């Protein structure tokens, strides 16, 4: 009988979704290997600090990859200083300026390389339904298609499952699950604009604050503003 635990590479952005996905993977019995990518986003140093704190909490390995190609390509307010990060519009059907063109394909490609090199059994990503309402590379169809790419693009004996456990969940659902699992949300960061305190008014802050407000809980990180959403 093989008692070796299954391993999972988890895309650890430093945010609450990926932190919750990490704890979900652990709950499912996976040994986590966290992969953090800095690609020129405005808050990359704060995000790496949070990913490092999460790895320390779990006594997990953390691999950091620094790449500037997404920033060099541009097309997103997260990586282009000339583009303003918009205030939250939670009812908009438009793709927001914070969308980084095809980012998840880039990040997942690195995660799959890491998983194959380390004989991991799964790759976890924390994307969810409120993401794919605005970001095309967060849709369930995208992850289904990427699983096929993984299956045909790795060695014949490689079997890696792409796990997006929250893809049909809301941010509120994720926060509720994370509180159940004891996720240290004080060590997570979502704001697109600032490295402390969080602005409270960008899309990422709005969805996060709304989730905690829906649950009657107080988000443990600091904000410049805490609007009611």
Protein backbone atom coordinates (compact mmCIF):
# COMPACT_ATOMS: atom_id res chain seq x y z
CA UNK A 1 0.00 0.00 0.00
CA UNK A 2 1.34 3.43 -0.98
CA UNK A 3 1.06 5.86 1.95
CA UNK A 4 2.73 8.73 0.11
CA UNK A 5 0.35 11.73 0.23
CA UNK A 6 -0.84 13.23 -3.00
CA UNK A 7 0.76 16.55 -3.89
CA UNK A 8 -0.86 19.63 -5.37
CA UNK A 9 0.62 22.75 -6.90
CA UNK A 10 -1.53 25.69 -5.90
CA UNK A 11 -1.46 29.07 -7.62
CA UNK A 12 -0.99 31.31 -4.60
CA UNK A 13 -1.62 34.93 -5.53
CA UNK A 14 -1.70 36.12 -1.93
CA UNK A 15 -5.46 36.68 -2.22
CA UNK A 16 -8.33 35.18 -0.26
CA UNK A 17 -9.52 32.88 -3.07
CA UNK A 18 -6.19 31.16 -3.55
CA UNK A 19 -5.65 30.96 0.22
CA UNK A 20 -9.02 29.26 0.60
CA UNK A 21 -8.18 26.93 -2.31
CA UNK A 22 -4.96 26.03 -0.50
CA UNK A 23 -6.80 25.11 2.68
CA UNK A 24 -9.38 23.21 0.62
CA UNK A 25 -6.59 21.19 -0.98
CA UNK A 26 -5.13 20.41 2.44
CA UNK A 27 -8.59 19.42 3.67
CA UNK A 28 -8.81 17.01 0.73
CA UNK A 29 -5.54 15.40 1.79
CA UNK A 30 -3.08 17.05 -0.59
CA UNK A 31 0.40 18.13 0.40
CA UNK A 32 0.59 21.72 -0.93
CA UNK A 33 3.33 23.26 -3.03
CA UNK A 34 2.57 26.95 -3.43
CA UNK A 35 3.51 28.73 -6.64
CA UNK A 36 3.51 32.53 -6.60
CA UNK A 37 4.06 34.57 -9.74
CA UNK A 38 5.06 38.22 -9.79
CA UNK A 39 4.42 39.59 -13.27
CA UNK A 40 4.61 43.35 -12.79
CA UNK A 41 1.29 43.91 -11.05
CA UNK A 42 1.12 47.07 -8.94
CA UNK A 43 0.77 45.25 -5.62
CA UNK A 44 3.19 42.40 -6.30
CA UNK A 45 5.33 42.94 -3.19
CA UNK A 46 2.30 42.83 -0.87
CA UNK A 47 0.92 39.78 -2.66
CA UNK A 48 4.24 37.94 -2.27
CA UNK A 49 4.37 38.89 1.41
CA UNK A 50 0.93 37.33 1.89
CA UNK A 51 1.76 34.19 -0.08
CA UNK A 52 4.89 33.79 2.05
CA UNK A 53 2.88 34.17 5.25
CA UNK A 54 0.42 31.52 4.06
CA UNK A 55 3.25 29.10 3.28
CA UNK A 56 4.68 29.69 6.75
CA UNK A 57 1.29 29.05 8.37
CA UNK A 58 1.07 25.67 6.62
CA UNK A 59 4.79 24.83 6.72
CA UNK A 60 4.49 24.44 2.95
CA UNK A 61 6.99 24.94 0.14
CA UNK A 62 6.72 28.18 -1.83
CA UNK A 63 8.20 28.73 -5.27
CA UNK A 64 8.29 32.29 -6.54
CA UNK A 65 8.61 32.98 -10.25
CA UNK A 66 9.28 36.51 -11.43
CA UNK A 67 8.35 37.33 -15.00
CA UNK A 68 7.84 40.63 -16.73
CA UNK A 69 6.32 39.48 -20.01
CA UNK A 70 2.70 40.21 -19.06
CA UNK A 71 3.65 43.73 -18.00
CA UNK A 72 5.69 44.19 -21.18
CA UNK A 73 2.72 43.10 -23.29
CA UNK A 74 0.41 45.46 -21.38
CA UNK A 75 -3.29 45.90 -21.96
CA UNK A 76 -4.27 45.84 -18.27
CA UNK A 77 -4.61 48.50 -15.60
CA UNK A 78 -2.88 46.09 -13.20
CA UNK A 79 0.39 46.29 -15.11
CA UNK A 80 0.19 49.58 -17.06
CA UNK A 81 0.78 52.79 -15.09
CA UNK A 82 -0.88 54.75 -17.87
CA UNK A 83 -4.23 53.02 -17.27
CA UNK A 84 -6.38 53.87 -14.25
CA UNK A 85 -7.81 51.11 -12.07
CA UNK A 86 -11.54 51.70 -12.14
CA UNK A 87 -13.84 51.97 -9.16
CA UNK A 88 -16.04 48.96 -8.57
CA UNK A 89 -19.14 48.41 -10.69
CA UNK A 90 -20.50 45.12 -9.42
CA UNK A 91 -23.40 45.11 -11.89
CA UNK A 92 -21.33 45.68 -15.04
CA UNK A 93 -21.22 43.04 -17.79
CA UNK A 94 -18.13 44.58 -19.38
CA UNK A 95 -14.67 43.05 -19.17
CA UNK A 96 -12.92 45.34 -16.65
CA UNK A 97 -9.67 47.14 -17.35
CA UNK A 98 -8.04 44.98 -14.67
CA UNK A 99 -8.27 41.95 -16.97
CA UNK A 100 -4.74 40.81 -17.84
CA UNK A 101 -4.95 39.30 -21.34
CA UNK A 102 -4.88 35.49 -21.12
CA UNK A 103 -3.18 35.63 -17.71
CA UNK A 104 -4.56 32.38 -16.36
CA UNK A 105 -3.27 30.42 -19.33
CA UNK A 106 0.19 31.80 -18.60
CA UNK A 107 -0.02 31.06 -14.87
CA UNK A 108 -1.52 27.61 -15.33
CA UNK A 109 1.17 26.70 -17.83
CA UNK A 110 3.81 27.44 -15.21
CA UNK A 111 1.85 25.52 -12.58
CA UNK A 112 1.55 22.47 -14.84
CA UNK A 113 5.28 22.56 -15.56
CA UNK A 114 5.91 22.70 -11.82
CA UNK A 115 3.44 19.88 -11.17
CA UNK A 116 4.94 17.60 -13.80
CA UNK A 117 8.50 18.28 -12.64
CA UNK A 118 7.53 17.50 -9.03
CA UNK A 119 5.29 14.48 -9.74
CA UNK A 120 2.28 16.34 -8.36
CA UNK A 121 -1.21 14.99 -8.82
CA UNK A 122 -3.19 18.20 -9.14
CA UNK A 123 -3.07 21.92 -9.84
CA UNK A 124 -5.44 24.15 -7.85
CA UNK A 125 -6.69 27.61 -8.82
CA UNK A 126 -9.10 29.73 -6.79
CA UNK A 127 -11.16 31.23 -9.64
CA UNK A 128 -14.89 31.61 -9.02
CA UNK A 129 -18.16 32.62 -10.66
CA UNK A 130 -17.88 36.37 -9.99
CA UNK A 131 -14.48 36.24 -11.69
CA UNK A 132 -15.77 34.63 -14.87
CA UNK A 133 -18.57 37.18 -15.14
CA UNK A 134 -15.82 39.64 -16.05
CA UNK A 135 -12.73 37.61 -16.93
CA UNK A 136 -12.99 35.22 -19.89
CA UNK A 137 -10.10 33.06 -18.66
CA UNK A 138 -12.01 32.23 -15.45
CA UNK A 139 -14.95 30.51 -17.13
CA UNK A 140 -15.63 26.81 -16.51
CA UNK A 141 -15.27 26.16 -20.25
CA UNK A 142 -11.75 27.60 -20.12
CA UNK A 143 -10.70 25.21 -17.34
CA UNK A 144 -12.30 22.25 -19.13
CA UNK A 145 -10.34 23.13 -22.26
CA UNK A 146 -7.12 23.63 -20.32
CA UNK A 147 -7.48 20.20 -18.75
CA UNK A 148 -7.43 18.78 -22.28
CA UNK A 149 -4.28 20.78 -23.05
CA UNK A 150 -2.67 19.33 -19.92
CA UNK A 151 -3.67 15.80 -20.86
CA UNK A 152 -2.21 15.95 -24.35
CA UNK A 153 0.78 18.19 -23.57
CA UNK A 154 2.42 16.20 -20.77
CA UNK A 155 4.22 12.85 -20.69
CA UNK A 156 2.07 9.77 -21.38
CA UNK A 157 2.36 8.59 -17.78
CA UNK A 158 1.58 12.01 -16.31
CA UNK A 159 -1.85 12.47 -14.75
CA UNK A 160 -2.52 15.93 -13.34
CA UNK A 161 -6.03 17.09 -12.43
CA UNK A 162 -6.90 20.75 -12.82
CA UNK A 163 -8.96 21.66 -9.77
CA UNK A 164 -11.01 24.86 -9.64
CA UNK A 165 -13.13 23.97 -6.61
CA UNK A 166 -14.93 27.30 -6.40
CA UNK A 167 -15.68 27.87 -10.07
CA UNK A 168 -19.44 27.85 -9.48
CA UNK A 169 -19.23 29.63 -6.12
CA UNK A 170 -19.69 33.28 -5.17
CA UNK A 171 -17.13 35.25 -3.17
CA UNK A 172 -19.47 34.95 -0.20
CA UNK A 173 -19.47 31.15 -0.54
CA UNK A 174 -15.68 31.16 -0.56
CA UNK A 175 -15.42 33.39 2.50
CA UNK A 176 -17.90 31.19 4.36
CA UNK A 177 -15.93 28.05 3.50
CA UNK A 178 -12.65 29.73 4.42
CA UNK A 179 -13.96 30.75 7.83
CA UNK A 180 -15.01 27.13 8.39
CA UNK A 181 -11.51 25.95 7.45
CA UNK A 182 -9.75 28.58 9.57
CA UNK A 183 -8.07 30.40 6.68
CA UNK A 184 -5.94 33.26 8.10
CA UNK A 185 -7.53 36.01 6.03
CA UNK A 186 -5.42 38.59 7.85
CA UNK A 187 -2.55 37.25 5.72
CA UNK A 188 -4.32 37.78 2.38
CA UNK A 189 -4.57 40.72 -0.01
CA UNK A 190 -7.06 41.54 -2.73
CA UNK A 191 -6.69 45.27 -3.49
CA UNK A 192 -5.59 46.17 -7.01
CA UNK A 193 -4.44 49.68 -6.12
CA UNK A 194 -2.57 49.86 -2.84
CA UNK A 195 -0.17 47.92 -0.67
CA UNK A 196 -1.69 49.16 2.63
CA UNK A 197 -4.24 50.07 3.53
CA UNK A 198 -6.48 48.51 0.86
CA UNK A 199 -8.45 51.15 -1.05
CA UNK A 200 -11.88 49.62 -0.44
CA UNK A 201 -13.30 50.85 -3.76
CA UNK A 202 -11.71 48.81 -6.58
CA UNK A 203 -13.51 45.72 -7.92
CA UNK A 204 -11.40 43.31 -5.87
CA UNK A 205 -11.96 45.20 -2.61
CA UNK A 206 -15.68 45.55 -3.31
CA UNK A 207 -16.30 41.84 -3.90
CA UNK A 208 -14.23 40.97 -0.84
CA UNK A 209 -15.89 43.47 1.49
CA UNK A 210 -19.33 42.48 0.20
CA UNK A 211 -18.60 38.82 0.98
CA UNK A 212 -17.70 39.53 4.59
CA UNK A 213 -20.65 41.92 4.95
CA UNK A 214 -23.02 39.25 3.62
CA UNK A 215 -21.78 36.92 6.36
CA UNK A 216 -21.96 39.53 9.11
CA UNK A 217 -18.19 39.27 9.60
CA UNK A 218 -15.51 41.95 9.65
CA UNK A 219 -12.72 41.62 7.12
CA UNK A 220 -9.52 41.54 9.21
CA UNK A 221 -7.32 43.61 6.86
CA UNK A 222 -7.14 47.41 6.93
CA UNK A 223 -8.99 49.64 4.44
CA UNK A 224 -8.85 53.34 3.60
CA UNK A 225 -12.63 53.13 3.09
CA UNK A 226 -15.17 50.45 4.01
CA UNK A 227 -18.25 51.21 1.89
CA UNK A 228 -21.39 49.13 2.32
CA UNK A 229 -21.83 46.86 -0.69
